[in-house]
C-alpha atoms as a PDB file:
ATOM      1  CA  MET A   1      19.768 -19.042  16.090  1.00  0.00           C
ATOM      2  CA  GLY A   2      16.097 -18.339  15.386  1.00  0.00           C
ATOM      3  CA  THR A   3      15.947 -15.520  17.936  1.00  0.00           C
ATOM      4  CA  ALA A   4      19.070 -13.893  16.505  1.00  0.00           C
ATOM      5  CA  THR A   5      17.576 -14.040  13.002  1.00  0.00           C
ATOM      6  CA  VAL A   6      14.299 -12.517  14.209  1.00  0.00           C
ATOM      7  CA  ASP A   7      16.183  -9.703  15.952  1.00  0.00           C
ATOM      8  CA  ARG A   8      18.197  -8.952  12.806  1.00  0.00           C
ATOM      9  CA  LEU A   9      15.091  -8.979  10.607  1.00  0.00           C
ATOM     10  CA  LEU A  10      13.325  -6.585  12.975  1.00  0.00           C
ATOM     11  CA  ALA A  11      16.314  -4.245  13.195  1.00  0.00           C
ATOM     12  CA  VAL A  12      16.905  -4.158   9.442  1.00  0.00           C
ATOM     13  CA  GLY A  13      13.163  -3.999   8.821  1.00  0.00           C
ATOM     14  CA  ARG A  14      12.805  -0.920  11.015  1.00  0.00           C
ATOM     15  CA  ARG A  15      15.523   0.900   9.109  1.00  0.00           C
ATOM     16  CA  LEU A  16      14.428  -0.093   5.605  1.00  0.00           C
ATOM     17  CA  PHE A  17      10.694   0.370   6.204  1.00  0.00           C
ATOM     18  CA  ALA A  18      11.380   3.784   7.751  1.00  0.00           C
ATOM     19  CA  GLU A  19      13.498   4.805   4.765  1.00  0.00           C
ATOM     20  CA  GLY A  20      11.469   3.333   1.917  1.00  0.00           C
ATOM     21  CA  GLY A  21       8.057   2.518   3.324  1.00  0.00           C
ATOM     22  CA  PHE A  22       6.306  -0.830   3.009  1.00  0.00           C
ATOM     23  CA  ASP A  23       6.044  -0.863  -0.805  1.00  0.00           C
ATOM     24  CA  GLY A  24       9.587   0.411  -1.273  1.00  0.00           C
ATOM     25  CA  THR A  25      11.169  -2.379   0.755  1.00  0.00           C
ATOM     26  CA  SER A  26      11.697  -5.768  -0.854  1.00  0.00           C
ATOM     27  CA  ILE A  27      12.054  -9.058   0.985  1.00  0.00           C
ATOM     28  CA  ARG A  28      15.187  -9.740  -1.048  1.00  0.00           C
ATOM     29  CA  SER A  29      16.979  -6.575   0.088  1.00  0.00           C
ATOM     30  CA  LEU A  30      15.724  -7.012   3.648  1.00  0.00           C
ATOM     31  CA  THR A  31      16.929 -10.584   4.048  1.00  0.00           C
ATOM     32  CA  ALA A  32      20.225  -9.823   2.311  1.00  0.00           C
ATOM     33  CA  GLU A  33      21.039  -7.008   4.754  1.00  0.00           C
ATOM     34  CA  ALA A  34      19.916  -9.140   7.694  1.00  0.00           C
ATOM     35  CA  GLY A  35      22.181 -11.991   6.575  1.00  0.00           C
ATOM     36  CA  ALA A  36      19.217 -14.346   6.389  1.00  0.00           C
ATOM     37  CA  ASN A  37      17.959 -16.664   3.671  1.00  0.00           C
ATOM     38  CA  LEU A  38      15.116 -15.547   1.419  1.00  0.00           C
ATOM     39  CA  GLY A  39      12.546 -17.674   3.231  1.00  0.00           C
ATOM     40  CA  ALA A  40      13.338 -16.288   6.695  1.00  0.00           C
ATOM     41  CA  VAL A  41      10.580 -13.655   6.592  1.00  0.00           C
ATOM     42  CA  THR A  42       7.947 -16.257   5.682  1.00  0.00           C
ATOM     43  CA  TYR A  43       9.285 -18.697   8.276  1.00  0.00           C
ATOM     44  CA  HIS A  44       9.287 -16.239  11.192  1.00  0.00           C
ATOM     45  CA  PHE A  45       6.532 -13.741  10.253  1.00  0.00           C
ATOM     46  CA  ASP A  46       4.400 -15.559   7.626  1.00  0.00           C
ATOM     47  CA  THR A  47       4.475 -12.560   5.254  1.00  0.00           C
ATOM     48  CA  LYS A  48       6.211  -9.234   4.669  1.00  0.00           C
ATOM     49  CA  GLU A  49       3.083  -7.644   6.143  1.00  0.00           C
ATOM     50  CA  GLY A  50       3.602  -9.747   9.279  1.00  0.00           C
ATOM     51  CA  LEU A  51       7.152  -8.451   9.641  1.00  0.00           C
ATOM     52  CA  TYR A  52       5.960  -4.889   9.044  1.00  0.00           C
ATOM     53  CA  GLN A  53       3.332  -5.224  11.781  1.00  0.00           C
ATOM     54  CA  ALA A  54       5.978  -6.593  14.163  1.00  0.00           C
ATOM     55  CA  VAL A  55       8.209  -3.617  13.341  1.00  0.00           C
ATOM     56  CA  LEU A  56       5.355  -1.185  14.006  1.00  0.00           C
ATOM     57  CA  ALA A  57       4.668  -2.914  17.326  1.00  0.00           C
ATOM     58  CA  SER A  58       8.303  -2.383  18.337  1.00  0.00           C
ATOM     59  CA  VAL A  59       8.060   1.294  17.361  1.00  0.00           C
ATOM     60  CA  PHE A  60       4.694   2.221  18.869  1.00  0.00           C
ATOM     61  CA  GLY A  61       4.241  -0.285  21.694  1.00  0.00           C
ATOM     62  CA  PRO A  62       6.444   1.588  24.213  1.00  0.00           C
ATOM     63  CA  VAL A  63       4.645   4.869  23.408  1.00  0.00           C
ATOM     64  CA  ARG A  64       1.270   3.327  24.215  1.00  0.00           C
ATOM     65  CA  GLU A  65       2.544   1.781  27.431  1.00  0.00           C
ATOM     66  CA  GLY A  66       4.079   5.071  28.577  1.00  0.00           C
ATOM     67  CA  ILE A  67       0.994   7.214  27.993  1.00  0.00           C
ATOM     68  CA  VAL A  68      -1.307   4.654  29.671  1.00  0.00           C
ATOM     69  CA  LYS A  69       0.898   4.798  32.786  1.00  0.00           C
ATOM     70  CA  LEU A  70       0.799   8.595  32.730  1.00  0.00           C
ATOM     71  CA  ALA A  71      -2.978   8.658  32.344  1.00  0.00           C
ATOM     72  CA  ARG A  72      -3.331   6.490  35.465  1.00  0.00           C
ATOM     73  CA  SER A  73      -0.809   8.455  37.513  1.00  0.00           C
ATOM     74  CA  PRO A  74      -2.056  10.377  40.574  1.00  0.00           C
ATOM     75  CA  LEU A  75       0.085  13.379  39.619  1.00  0.00           C
ATOM     76  CA  PRO A  76      -1.662  16.652  38.704  1.00  0.00           C
ATOM     77  CA  ALA A  77      -2.630  16.890  35.041  1.00  0.00           C
ATOM     78  CA  SER A  78      -0.096  19.659  34.358  1.00  0.00           C
ATOM     79  CA  ASP A  79       2.765  17.482  35.660  1.00  0.00           C
ATOM     80  CA  ARG A  80       1.583  14.535  33.586  1.00  0.00           C
ATOM     81  CA  LEU A  81       1.539  16.654  30.425  1.00  0.00           C
ATOM     82  CA  GLU A  82       5.078  17.869  31.026  1.00  0.00           C
ATOM     83  CA  LEU A  83       6.182  14.279  31.587  1.00  0.00           C
ATOM     84  CA  PHE A  84       4.449  13.261  28.369  1.00  0.00           C
ATOM     85  CA  VAL A  85       6.417  15.839  26.377  1.00  0.00           C
ATOM     86  CA  ARG A  86       9.719  14.777  27.936  1.00  0.00           C
ATOM     87  CA  VAL A  87       8.983  11.078  27.435  1.00  0.00           C
ATOM     88  CA  MET A  88       8.062  11.671  23.780  1.00  0.00           C
ATOM     89  CA  PHE A  89      11.252  13.573  23.041  1.00  0.00           C
ATOM     90  CA  HIS A  90      13.357  10.982  24.874  1.00  0.00           C
ATOM     91  CA  HIS A  91      11.695   8.110  23.013  1.00  0.00           C
ATOM     92  CA  GLN A  92      12.118   9.830  19.648  1.00  0.00           C
ATOM     93  CA  LYS A  93      15.757  10.546  20.406  1.00  0.00           C
ATOM     94  CA  GLU A  94      16.270   6.850  21.111  1.00  0.00           C
ATOM     95  CA  HIS A  95      14.063   5.797  18.169  1.00  0.00           C
ATOM     96  CA  GLN A  96      14.485   8.405  15.454  1.00  0.00           C
ATOM     97  CA  ASP A  97      12.399   6.415  13.008  1.00  0.00           C
ATOM     98  CA  LEU A  98       9.169   6.963  14.993  1.00  0.00           C
ATOM     99  CA  PRO A  99       8.211  10.309  13.376  1.00  0.00           C
ATOM    100  CA  ARG A 100       8.857   8.860   9.910  1.00  0.00           C
ATOM    101  CA  PHE A 101       6.591   5.898  10.603  1.00  0.00           C
ATOM    102  CA  MET A 102       3.934   8.295  11.907  1.00  0.00           C
ATOM    103  CA  ALA A 103       4.154  10.345   8.710  1.00  0.00           C
ATOM    104  CA  GLN A 104       4.029   7.259   6.494  1.00  0.00           C
ATOM    105  CA  GLU A 105       1.080   5.716   8.252  1.00  0.00           C
ATOM    106  CA  ILE A 106      -1.028   8.763   9.124  1.00  0.00           C
ATOM    107  CA  VAL A 107      -0.163  11.312   6.437  1.00  0.00           C
ATOM    108  CA  LEU A 108       0.661   9.089   3.472  1.00  0.00           C
ATOM    109  CA  GLY A 109      -1.019   5.785   4.299  1.00  0.00           C
ATOM    110  CA  GLU A 110      -4.355   5.158   2.614  1.00  0.00           C
ATOM    111  CA  HIS A 111      -5.061   2.248   4.934  1.00  0.00           C
ATOM    112  CA  PRO A 112      -3.304   2.791   8.288  1.00  0.00           C
ATOM    113  CA  SER A 113      -2.334  -0.426  10.043  1.00  0.00           C
ATOM    114  CA  GLN A 114      -4.192  -1.756  13.070  1.00  0.00           C
ATOM    115  CA  GLU A 115      -1.080  -1.126  15.142  1.00  0.00           C
ATOM    116  CA  VAL A 116      -1.132   2.581  14.315  1.00  0.00           C
ATOM    117  CA  LEU A 117      -4.898   2.878  14.749  1.00  0.00           C
ATOM    118  CA  GLU A 118      -4.592   1.315  18.191  1.00  0.00           C
ATOM    119  CA  THR A 119      -1.740   3.689  19.054  1.00  0.00           C
ATOM    120  CA  VAL A 120      -3.701   6.764  17.962  1.00  0.00           C
ATOM    121  CA  LYS A 121      -6.770   5.565  19.863  1.00  0.00           C
ATOM    122  CA  THR A 122      -4.760   4.882  23.024  1.00  0.00           C
ATOM    123  CA  VAL A 123      -2.493   7.940  22.998  1.00  0.00           C
ATOM    124  CA  VAL A 124      -5.083  10.530  21.948  1.00  0.00           C
ATOM    125  CA  GLY A 125      -7.647   8.978  24.278  1.00  0.00           C
ATOM    126  CA  ALA A 126      -5.287   9.028  27.267  1.00  0.00           C
ATOM    127  CA  LEU A 127      -4.090  12.568  26.538  1.00  0.00           C
ATOM    128  CA  SER A 128      -7.689  13.728  26.202  1.00  0.00           C
ATOM    129  CA  ARG A 129      -8.500  12.276  29.616  1.00  0.00           C
ATOM    130  CA  ILE A 130      -5.535  14.112  31.132  1.00  0.00           C
ATOM    131  CA  MET A 131      -6.815  17.320  29.518  1.00  0.00           C
ATOM    132  CA  GLU A 132     -10.258  16.699  31.033  1.00  0.00           C
ATOM    133  CA  ASP A 133      -8.690  16.027  34.440  1.00  0.00           C
ATOM    134  CA  GLY A 134      -6.844  19.339  34.252  1.00  0.00           C
ATOM    135  CA  GLN A 135      -9.967  21.206  33.210  1.00  0.00           C
ATOM    136  CA  GLU A 136     -11.818  19.741  36.187  1.00  0.00           C
ATOM    137  CA  GLU A 137      -8.910  20.732  38.452  1.00  0.00           C
ATOM    138  CA  GLY A 138      -9.025  24.239  36.998  1.00  0.00           C
ATOM    139  CA  THR A 139      -5.356  24.027  35.975  1.00  0.00           C
ATOM    140  CA  LEU A 140      -5.769  23.610  32.201  1.00  0.00           C
ATOM    141  CA  VAL A 141      -7.495  25.902  29.713  1.00  0.00           C
ATOM    142  CA  GLU A 142     -10.977  25.161  28.472  1.00  0.00           C
ATOM    143  CA  GLY A 143     -11.424  23.681  25.010  1.00  0.00           C
ATOM    144  CA  ASP A 144     -12.092  20.471  23.140  1.00  0.00           C
ATOM    145  CA  PRO A 145      -9.936  17.866  24.973  1.00  0.00           C
ATOM    146  CA  VAL A 146      -9.291  15.920  21.759  1.00  0.00           C
ATOM    147  CA  LEU A 147      -8.110  19.003  19.844  1.00  0.00           C
ATOM    148  CA  LEU A 148      -5.948  20.043  22.789  1.00  0.00           C
ATOM    149  CA  ALA A 149      -4.495  16.523  22.900  1.00  0.00           C
ATOM    150  CA  LEU A 150      -3.762  16.528  19.162  1.00  0.00           C
ATOM    151  CA  SER A 151      -2.201  19.985  19.386  1.00  0.00           C
ATOM    152  CA  LEU A 152       0.195  18.823  22.091  1.00  0.00           C
ATOM    153  CA  LEU A 153       0.921  15.459  20.469  1.00  0.00           C
ATOM    154  CA  SER A 154       1.882  17.096  17.167  1.00  0.00           C
ATOM    155  CA  GLN A 155       4.572  19.272  18.736  1.00  0.00           C
ATOM    156  CA  PRO A 156       7.151  16.608  19.711  1.00  0.00           C
ATOM    157  CA  ILE A 157       6.589  14.739  16.436  1.00  0.00           C
ATOM    158  CA  TYR A 158       6.900  17.736  14.105  1.00  0.00           C
ATOM    159  CA  LEU A 159       9.707  19.337  16.091  1.00  0.00           C
ATOM    160  CA  SER A 160      11.691  16.114  15.993  1.00  0.00           C
ATOM    161  CA  LEU A 161      11.514  16.115  12.192  1.00  0.00           C
ATOM    162  CA  MET A 162      12.086  19.749  11.224  1.00  0.00           C
ATOM    163  CA  PRO A 163      15.182  20.713  13.270  1.00  0.00           C
ATOM    164  CA  ARG A 164      16.834  17.510  12.049  1.00  0.00           C
ATOM    165  CA  PHE A 165      15.968  18.488   8.464  1.00  0.00           C
ATOM    166  CA  LEU A 166      17.167  22.081   8.899  1.00  0.00           C
ATOM    167  CA  SER A 167      20.469  20.883  10.382  1.00  0.00           C
ATOM    168  CA  ARG A 168      21.368  18.434   7.623  1.00  0.00           C
ATOM    169  CA  GLU A 169      24.972  18.932   6.551  1.00  0.00           C
ATOM    170  CA  ASP A 170      24.186  18.306   2.883  1.00  0.00           C
ATOM    171  CA  LEU A 171      21.772  21.282   2.974  1.00  0.00           C
ATOM    172  CA  ARG A 172      24.188  23.701   4.618  1.00  0.00           C
ATOM    173  CA  ASP A 173      24.619  25.670   1.375  1.00  0.00           C
ATOM    174  CA  ALA A 174      20.867  26.308   1.298  1.00  0.00           C
ATOM    175  CA  GLU A 175      21.342  28.525   4.385  1.00  0.00           C
ATOM    176  CA  LEU A 176      18.178  27.267   6.053  1.00  0.00           C
ATOM    177  CA  PRO A 177      17.317  28.860   9.408  1.00  0.00           C
ATOM    178  CA  ARG A 178      18.359  26.717  12.346  1.00  0.00           C
ATOM    179  CA  PRO A 179      16.852  26.760  15.830  1.00  0.00           C
ATOM    180  CA  ARG A 180      19.144  27.923  18.603  1.00  0.00           C
ATOM    181  CA  GLU A 181      17.261  26.333  21.482  1.00  0.00           C
ATOM    182  CA  SER A 182      16.196  22.845  22.475  1.00  0.00           C
ATOM    183  CA  ALA A 183      12.928  21.742  20.853  1.00  0.00           C
ATOM    184  CA  GLU A 184      11.977  19.951  24.069  1.00  0.00           C
ATOM    185  CA  SER A 185      12.435  23.087  26.179  1.00  0.00           C
ATOM    186  CA  HIS A 186      10.487  25.084  23.606  1.00  0.00           C
ATOM    187  CA  VAL A 187       7.500  22.715  23.752  1.00  0.00           C
ATOM    188  CA  ILE A 188       7.526  22.689  27.565  1.00  0.00           C
ATOM    189  CA  ALA A 189       7.477  26.509  27.567  1.00  0.00           C
ATOM    190  CA  LEU A 190       4.699  26.512  24.958  1.00  0.00           C
ATOM    191  CA  LEU A 191       2.710  24.015  27.011  1.00  0.00           C
ATOM    192  CA  ARG A 192       2.944  26.200  30.103  1.00  0.00           C
ATOM    193  CA  ARG A 193       1.957  29.367  28.224  1.00  0.00           C
ATOM    194  CA  ALA A 194      -0.822  27.949  26.047  1.00  0.00           C
ATOM    195  CA  PHE A 195      -2.338  25.122  28.104  1.00  0.00           C
ATOM    196  CA  PHE A 196      -1.885  26.037  31.768  1.00  0.00           C
ATOM    197  CA  VAL A 197      -4.260  28.385  33.544  1.00  0.00           C
ATOM    198  CA  ARG A 198      -2.346  31.252  35.135  1.00  0.00           C
ATOM    199  CA  LYS A 199      -2.789  31.631  38.866  1.00  0.00           C
ATOM    200  CA  GLU A 200      -4.301  35.093  38.546  1.00  0.00           C
ATOM    201  CA  GLU A 201      -6.868  33.713  36.085  1.00  0.00           C
ATOM    202  CA  SER A 202      -7.956  30.949  38.461  1.00  0.00           C
ATOM    203  CA  GLU A 203      -8.477  33.286  41.424  1.00  0.00           C
END
């Protein structure tokens, strides 16, 4: 019974926090939609902030775990970067609230949560190390590894938000331009053109 209630609170919390942010989500509306009593949040998570942190952990935890595995992989840096892009798009397809939480916490949040700070530290740090590995291999372009990491990281996040926005049915009359190709394929092609050293350049 307790586990089922926790699962419902987390599921409803993810949706409501993604839609309305922390301040725009009330415990009353959250517990009502979860079919739980008003004290369930306090009982299971101590506070609304506790529930929010648990939601963020469910959103960002798998991303951190995936990039850490990639950073430790023996694959060439270029292969690891392509895998990173594909994993990010797959995860965002399965968890479409991730880009919204990123925007809320990083762009709009005055005091980003510890969960997000740890995610940024882990993901950007691991990506930077992959960039450095590729530079040492001579397969990736020279440049600040952190800026290169941020440039690549921003692509799957932004390009998961914008095509979805441009394709909204309620905005069809606005005649917004719509992409004709897969955003994932586009980022992979961009990665190969902008980040990889061409063979003739390395000879």
